[in-house]
Amino acid sequence: MSNIIMFEDIFVIEKLDPDGKKFDKVSRIEAHSQNCGMFMQLDVNTEIFPMAVGDKFTMALAHTLNLDGTPDTGYFTQGGRKTLADKYEYIMHGKLYKISEEGSGRKAKAEMLVSYGGLLMFLKGDPSHVSHFELDQRLFLLMRKL
């Protein structure tokens, strides 16, 4: 399964809607990861997955939900087969639309932006954690509260 999950870490929410509440059912969270030192801003549908400052959650990025690593077909079938989604509570599917790197040496930071049907994710941190992602790549975001 390690070849399916491209990034995974535990995050702690530090701010909820830092620029004010814009939508009724969506909140923007700001969180830092505990192991990789990554910063994330993420739009979450809080009507179906409520979140609060101080919450801890696992967040993973994967290129497929198939446990055997086969590419996703783009269609969801409600068959009885097990998928990566069975281990998480909140899943979104989107496209990486911007990836960049700033600085050099030890001060280098990489940034990636993914759109999940208009809900956005901004992830920033050490370039080694995002170097294997590609522009226009389809990604699943998977979350589970701890």
Protein backbone atom coordinates (compact mmCIF):
# COMPACT_ATOMS: atom_id res chain seq x y z
CA MET A 1 0.00 0.00 0.00
CA SER A 2 2.98 2.33 0.45
CA ASN A 3 3.23 2.76 -3.33
CA ILE A 4 -0.41 3.91 -3.44
CA ILE A 5 -0.11 6.59 -0.75
CA MET A 6 2.17 9.35 -2.01
CA PHE A 7 2.06 11.48 1.15
CA GLU A 8 0.68 10.90 4.63
CA ASP A 9 1.03 12.74 7.93
CA ILE A 10 -0.83 13.77 11.06
CA PHE A 11 -2.06 17.38 11.06
CA VAL A 12 -3.31 19.63 13.86
CA ILE A 13 -5.80 22.40 13.03
CA GLU A 14 -4.52 25.81 14.15
CA LYS A 15 -7.08 28.12 12.51
CA LEU A 16 -10.59 27.78 11.15
CA ASP A 17 -11.73 30.27 8.50
CA PRO A 18 -8.74 32.64 9.01
CA ASP A 19 -10.18 35.16 6.51
CA GLY A 20 -13.72 34.89 7.82
CA LYS A 21 -16.53 32.51 6.94
CA LYS A 22 -17.27 32.69 3.21
CA PHE A 23 -19.67 29.75 2.71
CA ASP A 24 -22.30 28.09 4.90
CA LYS A 25 -21.17 24.50 4.46
CA VAL A 26 -17.43 24.94 3.82
CA SER A 27 -14.62 26.02 6.13
CA ARG A 28 -10.99 26.69 5.32
CA ILE A 29 -8.64 25.11 7.81
CA GLU A 30 -4.99 25.95 8.46
CA ALA A 31 -2.97 23.09 9.88
CA HIS A 32 0.63 21.97 10.42
CA SER A 33 1.85 18.41 10.14
CA GLN A 34 3.57 16.75 13.08
CA ASN A 35 6.20 14.68 11.26
CA CYS A 36 7.05 16.40 7.97
CA GLY A 37 6.71 20.05 9.00
CA MET A 38 4.21 20.82 6.23
CA PHE A 39 1.73 23.71 6.28
CA MET A 40 -1.70 23.16 4.75
CA GLN A 41 -4.74 25.25 3.93
CA LEU A 42 -7.71 23.09 2.99
CA ASP A 43 -11.35 23.75 2.18
CA VAL A 44 -13.53 21.13 3.90
CA ASN A 45 -17.26 20.48 3.65
CA THR A 46 -17.91 20.86 7.38
CA GLU A 47 -21.56 19.91 7.02
CA ILE A 48 -20.50 16.29 6.44
CA PHE A 49 -17.07 16.39 8.18
CA PRO A 50 -17.15 18.90 11.08
CA MET A 51 -13.78 20.24 12.22
CA ALA A 52 -12.57 22.48 15.05
CA VAL A 53 -9.37 24.19 16.15
CA GLY A 54 -7.16 21.66 17.92
CA ASP A 55 -8.53 18.63 16.04
CA LYS A 56 -5.93 16.07 14.96
CA PHE A 57 -6.37 14.11 11.76
CA THR A 58 -4.45 11.91 9.38
CA MET A 59 -4.31 13.21 5.82
CA ALA A 60 -3.10 11.12 2.90
CA LEU A 61 -2.73 11.80 -0.81
CA ALA A 62 -3.05 8.84 -3.19
CA HIS A 63 -3.22 8.37 -6.95
CA THR A 64 -5.78 5.55 -6.71
CA LEU A 65 -8.16 3.96 -4.22
CA ASN A 66 -7.49 0.46 -5.54
CA LEU A 67 -5.49 -1.55 -3.02
CA ASP A 68 -3.59 -3.34 -5.78
CA GLY A 69 -2.36 0.01 -7.13
CA THR A 70 -4.16 -0.20 -10.46
CA PRO A 71 -5.14 3.20 -11.89
CA ASP A 72 -8.53 4.65 -11.09
CA THR A 73 -11.11 4.32 -13.89
CA GLY A 74 -12.87 7.56 -13.03
CA TYR A 75 -16.09 5.74 -12.14
CA PHE A 76 -17.24 4.74 -8.67
CA THR A 77 -18.95 1.39 -8.37
CA GLN A 78 -20.63 0.36 -5.15
CA GLY A 79 -19.34 -3.19 -5.35
CA GLY A 80 -18.34 -5.12 -2.26
CA ARG A 81 -14.60 -4.87 -2.93
CA LYS A 82 -12.30 -3.23 -0.40
CA THR A 83 -10.60 0.06 -1.27
CA LEU A 84 -8.31 2.53 0.43
CA ALA A 85 -11.41 4.64 1.16
CA ASP A 86 -12.58 2.05 3.71
CA LYS A 87 -9.84 3.21 6.09
CA TYR A 88 -10.78 6.92 6.00
CA GLU A 89 -13.80 9.09 6.85
CA TYR A 90 -13.58 11.94 4.30
CA ILE A 91 -12.40 11.56 0.70
CA MET A 92 -12.13 14.05 -2.17
CA HIS A 93 -10.87 13.60 -5.74
CA GLY A 94 -9.16 16.41 -7.59
CA LYS A 95 -6.39 17.67 -9.83
CA LEU A 96 -3.00 19.16 -8.99
CA TYR A 97 -2.98 22.43 -10.92
CA LYS A 98 0.14 24.19 -9.63
CA ILE A 99 3.44 23.03 -8.22
CA SER A 100 6.41 25.30 -7.57
CA GLU A 101 9.58 25.67 -5.57
CA GLU A 102 11.05 28.81 -4.01
CA GLY A 103 14.41 29.44 -2.40
CA SER A 104 17.43 27.19 -2.51
CA GLY A 105 19.42 24.88 -0.28
CA ARG A 106 18.06 24.33 3.22
CA LYS A 107 15.64 27.25 2.86
CA ALA A 108 13.90 25.79 -0.21
CA LYS A 109 10.14 25.33 0.07
CA ALA A 110 7.83 23.59 -2.36
CA GLU A 111 4.18 24.48 -2.84
CA MET A 112 1.40 22.54 -4.46
CA LEU A 113 -2.20 23.48 -5.12
CA VAL A 114 -4.96 20.96 -5.77
CA SER A 115 -8.56 21.67 -6.70
CA TYR A 116 -11.18 19.22 -5.49
CA GLY A 117 -14.17 20.42 -7.50
CA GLY A 118 -13.57 23.99 -6.30
CA LEU A 119 -12.52 23.10 -2.77
CA LEU A 120 -8.83 23.97 -2.65
CA MET A 121 -5.78 22.56 -0.93
CA PHE A 122 -2.50 24.45 -0.52
CA LEU A 123 0.40 22.38 0.80
CA LYS A 124 3.81 23.92 1.52
CA GLY A 125 7.01 22.49 2.94
CA ASP A 126 10.18 20.55 2.27
CA PRO A 127 10.57 19.83 -1.47
CA SER A 128 11.44 16.18 -0.78
CA HIS A 129 7.82 15.54 0.27
CA VAL A 130 6.31 16.85 -2.97
CA SER A 131 9.01 16.08 -5.57
CA HIS A 132 7.22 12.94 -6.82
CA PHE A 133 3.98 14.78 -7.65
CA GLU A 134 3.31 15.95 -11.21
CA LEU A 135 1.34 18.83 -12.69
CA ASP A 136 -2.20 17.82 -13.82
CA GLN A 137 -2.00 14.65 -11.72
CA ARG A 138 -5.31 13.31 -10.36
CA LEU A 139 -5.20 12.87 -6.59
CA PHE A 140 -7.40 11.52 -3.84
CA LEU A 141 -7.31 13.31 -0.51
CA LEU A 142 -8.19 10.99 2.38
CA MET A 143 -8.78 12.13 5.96
CA ARG A 144 -9.50 10.41 9.25
CA LYS A 145 -9.85 12.09 12.65
CA LEU A 146 -7.66 10.83 15.49
